[in-house]
Protein backbone atom coordinates (compact mmCIF):
# COMPACT_ATOMS: atom_id res chain seq x y z
CA UNK A 1 22.04 53.43 -21.66
CA UNK A 2 18.80 51.74 -20.66
CA UNK A 3 16.86 52.60 -17.53
CA UNK A 4 17.77 50.65 -14.43
CA UNK A 5 15.20 48.07 -13.30
CA UNK A 6 13.25 49.02 -10.22
CA UNK A 7 13.91 46.78 -7.21
CA UNK A 8 10.98 44.33 -7.04
CA UNK A 9 9.23 43.25 -3.87
CA UNK A 10 10.40 39.74 -3.00
CA UNK A 11 10.18 37.50 0.03
CA UNK A 12 13.27 36.90 2.21
CA UNK A 13 14.98 33.69 1.15
CA UNK A 14 18.23 32.09 2.32
CA UNK A 15 20.25 28.89 1.91
CA UNK A 16 22.54 28.46 4.87
CA UNK A 17 24.55 31.67 5.22
CA UNK A 18 23.60 32.90 1.74
CA UNK A 19 20.54 35.05 1.19
CA UNK A 20 18.81 36.55 -1.80
CA UNK A 21 19.36 40.24 -2.46
CA UNK A 22 19.09 42.87 -5.19
CA UNK A 23 21.97 44.73 -6.79
CA UNK A 24 21.42 47.49 -9.36
CA UNK A 25 19.10 45.70 -11.81
CA UNK A 26 19.19 42.02 -10.91
CA UNK A 27 19.08 39.52 -8.07
CA UNK A 28 22.27 38.73 -6.21
CA UNK A 29 23.64 36.48 -3.46
CA UNK A 30 24.54 38.22 -0.21
CA UNK A 31 26.80 36.71 2.48
CA UNK A 32 29.39 37.82 5.00
CA UNK A 33 33.08 36.91 5.46
CA UNK A 34 34.70 38.15 8.69
CA UNK A 35 31.98 40.75 9.04
CA UNK A 36 32.46 42.07 5.49
CA UNK A 37 29.50 41.90 3.13
CA UNK A 38 30.00 40.04 -0.12
CA UNK A 39 27.65 40.10 -3.10
CA UNK A 40 27.48 38.07 -6.28
CA UNK A 41 25.22 39.12 -9.16
CA UNK A 42 23.08 36.30 -10.61
CA UNK A 43 22.11 37.97 -13.89
CA UNK A 44 18.45 37.13 -13.23
CA UNK A 45 15.46 39.38 -12.62
CA UNK A 46 12.90 36.66 -11.87
CA UNK A 47 12.46 35.65 -8.23
CA UNK A 48 11.72 31.97 -8.86
CA UNK A 49 14.80 31.52 -11.06
CA UNK A 50 16.91 33.49 -8.60
CA UNK A 51 16.01 31.11 -5.77
CA UNK A 52 17.11 28.15 -7.87
CA UNK A 53 20.40 29.87 -8.75
CA UNK A 54 20.92 30.72 -5.08
CA UNK A 55 20.89 27.01 -4.24
CA UNK A 56 23.36 26.25 -7.05
CA UNK A 57 25.69 29.03 -5.86
CA UNK A 58 25.60 27.84 -2.25
CA UNK A 59 26.35 24.25 -3.22
CA UNK A 60 29.24 25.31 -5.47
CA UNK A 61 30.90 27.19 -2.60
CA UNK A 62 30.59 24.20 -0.25
CA UNK A 63 29.81 26.41 2.72
CA UNK A 64 26.53 24.93 3.84
CA UNK A 65 26.54 23.71 7.41
CA UNK A 66 25.20 20.22 8.05
CA UNK A 67 23.27 18.42 5.32
CA UNK A 68 22.62 20.32 2.07
CA UNK A 69 19.21 21.90 1.76
CA UNK A 70 17.55 20.60 -1.39
CA UNK A 71 14.90 22.23 -3.52
CA UNK A 72 11.71 20.39 -4.41
CA UNK A 73 13.04 20.15 -7.98
CA UNK A 74 16.11 18.21 -6.82
CA UNK A 75 14.07 15.94 -4.54
CA UNK A 76 11.57 15.26 -7.31
CA UNK A 77 14.40 14.23 -9.66
CA UNK A 78 15.67 11.78 -7.04
CA UNK A 79 12.17 10.42 -6.46
CA UNK A 80 11.68 9.86 -10.21
CA UNK A 81 15.01 8.03 -10.42
CA UNK A 82 13.96 5.89 -7.45
CA UNK A 83 10.68 4.97 -9.17
CA UNK A 84 12.50 3.92 -12.33
CA UNK A 85 15.04 1.88 -10.39
CA UNK A 86 12.31 0.07 -8.42
CA UNK A 87 10.21 -0.69 -11.50
CA UNK A 88 7.50 1.76 -10.46
CA UNK A 89 5.70 4.29 -12.65
CA UNK A 90 8.30 6.97 -13.46
CA UNK A 91 6.40 8.60 -16.31
CA UNK A 92 3.63 10.11 -14.22
CA UNK A 93 5.97 11.98 -11.81
CA UNK A 94 7.76 13.52 -14.80
CA UNK A 95 4.47 14.39 -16.47
CA UNK A 96 3.02 16.00 -13.34
CA UNK A 97 6.21 17.97 -12.64
CA UNK A 98 5.72 19.83 -15.91
CA UNK A 99 2.72 21.47 -14.22
CA UNK A 100 3.82 21.78 -10.58
CA UNK A 101 7.46 22.66 -11.20
CA UNK A 102 6.97 26.36 -11.84
CA UNK A 103 5.25 26.84 -8.48
CA UNK A 104 7.12 24.38 -6.26
CA UNK A 105 10.41 23.57 -8.05
CA UNK A 106 12.52 26.34 -6.51
CA UNK A 107 11.13 25.94 -2.98
CA UNK A 108 12.63 24.04 -0.09
CA UNK A 109 10.17 21.60 1.52
CA UNK A 110 10.08 23.73 4.67
CA UNK A 111 8.92 26.70 2.56
CA UNK A 112 5.94 24.87 1.00
CA UNK A 113 3.10 26.33 3.02
CA UNK A 114 -0.61 25.65 3.09
CA UNK A 115 -1.14 29.12 1.61
CA UNK A 116 1.03 28.33 -1.42
CA UNK A 117 -0.84 25.05 -1.99
CA UNK A 118 -4.24 26.75 -1.71
CA UNK A 119 -3.13 29.46 -4.14
CA UNK A 120 -2.00 26.74 -6.56
CA UNK A 121 -5.36 25.00 -6.20
CA UNK A 122 -7.19 28.25 -6.97
CA UNK A 123 -4.94 29.01 -9.95
CA UNK A 124 -5.49 25.58 -11.53
CA UNK A 125 -9.25 25.74 -10.89
CA UNK A 126 -9.36 29.17 -12.56
CA UNK A 127 -7.59 27.62 -15.55
CA UNK A 128 -10.47 25.15 -15.87
CA UNK A 129 -8.70 22.08 -14.49
CA UNK A 130 -10.81 19.32 -12.96
CA UNK A 131 -10.73 18.49 -9.22
CA UNK A 132 -9.22 15.07 -10.03
CA UNK A 133 -6.34 16.76 -11.85
CA UNK A 134 -5.67 19.29 -9.08
CA UNK A 135 -5.83 16.58 -6.42
CA UNK A 136 -3.31 14.45 -8.34
CA UNK A 137 -0.87 17.34 -8.75
CA UNK A 138 -0.85 18.42 -5.11
CA UNK A 139 -0.79 14.82 -3.98
CA UNK A 140 2.41 14.39 -6.01
CA UNK A 141 3.98 17.27 -4.04
CA UNK A 142 3.05 15.53 -0.78
CA UNK A 143 4.29 12.16 -2.02
CA UNK A 144 7.72 13.48 -3.00
CA UNK A 145 8.23 15.43 0.25
CA UNK A 146 7.14 12.48 2.42
CA UNK A 147 9.43 10.16 0.44
CA UNK A 148 12.33 12.56 0.95
CA UNK A 149 11.74 12.63 4.70
CA UNK A 150 11.43 8.84 4.90
CA UNK A 151 14.74 8.45 3.07
CA UNK A 152 16.40 11.12 5.26
CA UNK A 153 17.00 13.52 2.39
CA UNK A 154 15.45 16.27 4.49
CA UNK A 155 15.25 16.67 8.23
CA UNK A 156 12.02 15.87 10.03
CA UNK A 157 11.81 19.44 11.32
CA UNK A 158 11.77 20.57 7.68
CA UNK A 159 8.85 18.30 6.83
CA UNK A 160 5.81 20.48 6.08
CA UNK A 161 2.20 19.41 6.23
CA UNK A 162 1.32 19.63 2.54
CA UNK A 163 -2.24 20.75 1.89
CA UNK A 164 -4.08 18.45 -0.52
CA UNK A 165 -7.79 18.96 -1.29
CA UNK A 166 -10.25 16.23 -0.46
CA UNK A 167 -10.13 13.41 -2.97
CA UNK A 168 -12.98 13.89 -5.50
CA UNK A 169 -15.56 11.19 -5.97
CA UNK A 170 -15.20 8.77 -8.90
CA UNK A 171 -16.14 9.96 -12.38
CA UNK A 172 -19.67 8.83 -13.22
CA UNK A 173 -19.94 9.44 -16.97
CA UNK A 174 -19.74 6.25 -18.97
CA UNK A 175 -21.31 4.99 -22.17
CA UNK A 176 -24.10 2.47 -22.49
CA UNK A 177 -23.72 -0.39 -24.94
CA UNK A 178 -26.03 1.40 -27.36
CA UNK A 179 -23.93 4.57 -27.10
CA UNK A 180 -20.76 2.55 -27.73
CA UNK A 181 -22.23 1.26 -30.98
CA UNK A 182 -23.29 4.78 -32.01
CA UNK A 183 -19.83 6.16 -31.25
CA UNK A 184 -17.92 3.56 -33.27
CA UNK A 185 -20.28 4.03 -36.23
CA UNK A 186 -19.52 7.76 -36.11
CA UNK A 187 -15.75 7.32 -36.47
CA UNK A 188 -14.72 8.77 -39.83
CA UNK A 189 -11.14 7.50 -40.13
CA UNK A 190 -10.12 3.81 -39.95
CA UNK A 191 -7.38 4.43 -37.37
CA UNK A 192 -9.85 6.27 -35.10
CA UNK A 193 -12.36 3.45 -35.40
CA UNK A 194 -9.64 0.93 -34.52
CA UNK A 195 -8.56 3.05 -31.56
CA UNK A 196 -12.12 3.20 -30.21
CA UNK A 197 -12.56 -0.55 -30.55
CA UNK A 198 -9.27 -1.32 -28.81
CA UNK A 199 -9.94 1.21 -26.05
CA UNK A 200 -13.28 -0.43 -25.31
CA UNK A 201 -12.18 -4.07 -25.67
CA UNK A 202 -8.84 -3.84 -23.82
CA UNK A 203 -9.68 -1.06 -21.30
CA UNK A 204 -6.21 0.30 -22.03
CA UNK A 205 -5.07 3.88 -21.61
CA UNK A 206 -4.69 6.05 -24.70
CA UNK A 207 -0.89 6.06 -24.62
CA UNK A 208 -0.69 2.28 -24.29
CA UNK A 209 -2.85 1.81 -27.40
CA UNK A 210 -0.96 4.38 -29.48
CA UNK A 211 2.36 2.72 -28.55
CA UNK A 212 1.14 -0.82 -29.22
CA UNK A 213 3.19 -2.64 -31.85
CA UNK A 214 2.31 -5.73 -33.87
CA UNK A 215 4.98 -7.87 -32.20
CA UNK A 216 2.88 -7.70 -29.01
CA UNK A 217 -0.33 -8.83 -30.73
CA UNK A 218 -0.42 -12.63 -30.53
CA UNK A 219 -3.15 -13.89 -32.87
CA UNK A 220 -2.24 -17.56 -32.25
CA UNK A 221 -2.74 -17.35 -28.48
CA UNK A 222 -5.37 -14.61 -28.67
CA UNK A 223 -3.47 -12.19 -26.41
CA UNK A 224 -2.55 -8.50 -26.49
CA UNK A 225 0.49 -7.47 -24.48
CA UNK A 226 -0.07 -3.83 -23.55
CA UNK A 227 3.16 -3.62 -21.60
CA UNK A 228 6.21 -2.60 -23.63
CA UNK A 229 9.29 -4.51 -22.36
CA UNK A 230 11.49 -1.69 -23.63
CA UNK A 231 9.98 0.74 -21.11
CA UNK A 232 10.21 -1.14 -17.82
CA UNK A 233 9.38 1.07 -14.87
CA UNK A 234 8.28 3.99 -17.03
CA UNK A 235 4.63 3.24 -17.59
CA UNK A 236 1.48 2.94 -15.55
CA UNK A 237 0.21 -0.58 -15.01
CA UNK A 238 -0.46 -2.27 -18.33
CA UNK A 239 -2.02 -5.67 -18.58
CA UNK A 240 -1.80 -8.75 -20.74
CA UNK A 241 -5.39 -9.03 -21.98
CA UNK A 242 -7.24 -11.63 -24.04
CA UNK A 243 -8.32 -10.74 -27.55
CA UNK A 244 -12.10 -11.03 -27.91
CA UNK A 245 -13.81 -11.57 -31.26
CA UNK A 246 -14.47 -7.85 -31.77
CA UNK A 247 -10.84 -6.92 -31.23
CA UNK A 248 -9.58 -9.82 -33.36
CA UNK A 249 -11.70 -8.84 -36.35
CA UNK A 250 -10.60 -5.20 -36.15
CA UNK A 251 -6.94 -6.13 -35.69
CA UNK A 252 -6.92 -8.61 -38.59
CA UNK A 253 -8.40 -5.95 -40.87
CA UNK A 254 -5.79 -3.40 -39.74
CA UNK A 255 -2.95 -5.92 -40.06
CA UNK A 256 -3.89 -6.67 -43.66
CA UNK A 257 -3.50 -3.02 -44.63
CA UNK A 258 -0.75 -2.00 -42.19
CA UNK A 259 2.62 -0.75 -43.39
CA UNK A 260 4.38 0.05 -40.10
CA UNK A 261 5.19 -1.70 -36.82
CA UNK A 262 2.50 0.27 -34.99
CA UNK A 263 -1.06 -1.02 -34.69
CA UNK A 264 -2.50 2.51 -34.77
CA UNK A 265 -0.85 4.20 -37.74
CA UNK A 266 -1.39 7.09 -40.11
CA UNK A 267 0.54 7.83 -43.31
CA UNK A 268 2.85 4.90 -42.63
CA UNK A 269 3.89 5.99 -39.15
CA UNK A 270 2.80 6.13 -35.50
CA UNK A 271 0.03 8.44 -34.33
CA UNK A 272 0.99 10.98 -31.67
CA UNK A 273 -2.54 11.82 -30.55
CA UNK A 274 -6.11 10.93 -31.47
CA UNK A 275 -7.71 13.79 -29.58
CA UNK A 276 -9.23 15.48 -32.63
CA UNK A 277 -10.50 12.26 -34.23
CA UNK A 278 -12.08 10.93 -31.02
CA UNK A 279 -13.63 14.31 -30.24
CA UNK A 280 -15.11 14.46 -33.76
CA UNK A 281 -16.66 11.00 -33.31
CA UNK A 282 -18.31 12.10 -30.06
CA UNK A 283 -19.67 15.24 -31.71
CA UNK A 284 -21.06 13.32 -34.68
CA UNK A 285 -22.70 10.75 -32.42
CA UNK A 286 -24.17 13.58 -30.28
CA UNK A 287 -22.76 12.08 -27.10
CA UNK A 288 -21.91 14.74 -24.53
CA UNK A 289 -18.69 14.22 -22.59
CA UNK A 290 -16.13 16.55 -21.04
CA UNK A 291 -12.81 17.00 -22.80
CA UNK A 292 -11.97 14.90 -25.85
CA UNK A 293 -13.80 11.87 -24.43
CA UNK A 294 -10.84 9.49 -24.58
CA UNK A 295 -10.78 9.11 -20.79
CA UNK A 296 -14.42 7.94 -20.86
CA UNK A 297 -13.60 4.85 -22.93
CA UNK A 298 -11.47 3.06 -20.32
CA UNK A 299 -13.97 3.96 -17.61
CA UNK A 300 -16.80 2.63 -19.80
CA UNK A 301 -15.01 -0.68 -20.37
CA UNK A 302 -14.62 -1.20 -16.62
CA UNK A 303 -18.24 -0.27 -15.90
CA UNK A 304 -19.52 -2.69 -18.56
CA UNK A 305 -17.49 -5.50 -16.99
CA UNK A 306 -18.82 -4.65 -13.52
CA UNK A 307 -22.42 -4.53 -14.78
CA UNK A 308 -21.95 -8.00 -16.21
CA UNK A 309 -20.93 -9.28 -12.80
CA UNK A 310 -17.20 -9.71 -13.51
CA UNK A 311 -15.43 -10.03 -10.11
CA UNK A 312 -13.64 -6.86 -8.99
CA UNK A 313 -10.21 -8.56 -8.68
CA UNK A 314 -10.51 -9.67 -12.30
CA UNK A 315 -11.45 -6.15 -13.41
CA UNK A 316 -8.44 -4.80 -11.51
CA UNK A 317 -6.16 -7.21 -13.32
CA UNK A 318 -7.68 -6.24 -16.66
CA UNK A 319 -7.13 -2.55 -15.90
CA UNK A 320 -3.59 -3.11 -14.65
CA UNK A 321 -4.43 -1.78 -11.17
CA UNK A 322 -1.85 -2.66 -8.51
CA UNK A 323 -4.18 -1.62 -5.67
CA UNK A 324 -7.53 -3.39 -5.44
CA UNK A 325 -8.90 -0.59 -3.29
CA UNK A 326 -8.90 1.74 -6.28
CA UNK A 327 -10.98 -0.71 -8.31
CA UNK A 328 -13.42 -1.42 -5.49
CA UNK A 329 -13.89 2.27 -4.72
CA UNK A 330 -14.67 3.14 -8.34
CA UNK A 331 -16.46 0.14 -9.82
CA UNK A 332 -17.97 -2.08 -7.12
CA UNK A 333 -21.17 0.01 -7.07
CA UNK A 334 -21.86 -0.89 -10.71
CA UNK A 335 -21.92 -4.62 -9.99
CA UNK A 336 -25.40 -6.22 -9.83
CA UNK A 337 -24.33 -8.01 -6.68
CA UNK A 338 -23.06 -4.87 -4.97
CA UNK A 339 -24.11 -4.98 -1.28
CA UNK A 340 -26.76 -7.57 -2.17
CA UNK A 341 -25.64 -9.89 0.63
CA UNK A 342 -25.69 -6.98 3.08
CA UNK A 343 -29.23 -6.07 2.01
CA UNK A 344 -30.30 -9.69 2.43
CA UNK A 345 -29.16 -9.73 6.03
CA UNK A 346 -31.60 -6.88 6.74
CA UNK A 347 -34.71 -8.71 5.50
CA UNK A 348 -37.71 -8.51 7.86
CA UNK A 349 -40.25 -11.28 8.59
CA UNK A 350 -42.83 -11.78 5.82
CA UNK A 351 -45.80 -10.60 7.93
CA UNK A 352 -44.09 -7.21 8.43
CA UNK A 353 -43.35 -6.51 4.76
CA UNK A 354 -46.85 -5.29 3.78
CA UNK A 355 -49.05 -3.17 5.98
CA UNK A 356 -52.64 -4.45 6.52
CA UNK A 357 -53.99 -1.03 7.43
CA UNK A 358 -55.56 -0.59 4.02
CA UNK A 359 -57.81 -3.61 4.53
CA UNK A 360 -59.33 -2.28 7.73
């Protein structure tokens, strides 16, 4: 017979009249009926899993008073379903939950403290994650909880003040036109070269390019439909963009040798990721970027448009942004006309522009 597990140290946790306890070698549910203690073994030795099972047990016994207390996991699932129903981006909430779920999934909103959020921030930073990533993850926690309160899924008195770090400044690294040329020349494989060209000429996200099929490439009208009608409400904003001469030439060459429905293909099928190929091209071209570099391509495309004086609303439409403020905040400063009118209003009279002290 194996040795009995030692009772671990765990924080008090309850759902209605049911609380978490320990019995012999596993977590249990403890509650009272007419003053008599009852216990139910959960068969779990992990605190986070035990909290989730405690909620399931309480709901199954239908003995909660008032409205059911929901875990963040349950609220997040409802929020994701809402996004899909309303035609909003439902993929990102699911993607982010894969990272925040382990920390926040089993918690009730009222139990999400500033301390827990700060500890999560420190843990992700120690794992080498960028400030933009950490901000986005904790902001998702706040978004879901606030949505739940607004839709009366939780009581206002259970609404915590979710700690979210200050929003980082926009990413500055982008490629010059000369660097773009060097990068494309360094691409070893045809499908990587095509990916780089499309990323820089459509300003599309990596996933949108890898999922692009030939039925959405209209050579007659010169348009590329980045949005997949079969995935309504499940993708970030994707635009209908014109096909410039560079993209057309690359697409015609790929079409002539293509054997599948996907524009980016390898061995007759779709490509799941181009991380290694893109990273190799950056290494060969001796261009230093963080990560695999794929995120730099979309940013570069937007910066090049801004530097050419393309109006910010037009850039936003090209990028598929639904909020112009995001585009202005990130790219307005690259425009040659940025604050030019404001600077002009501060001009001084001509006789004050140059000091005449040197002539004395």
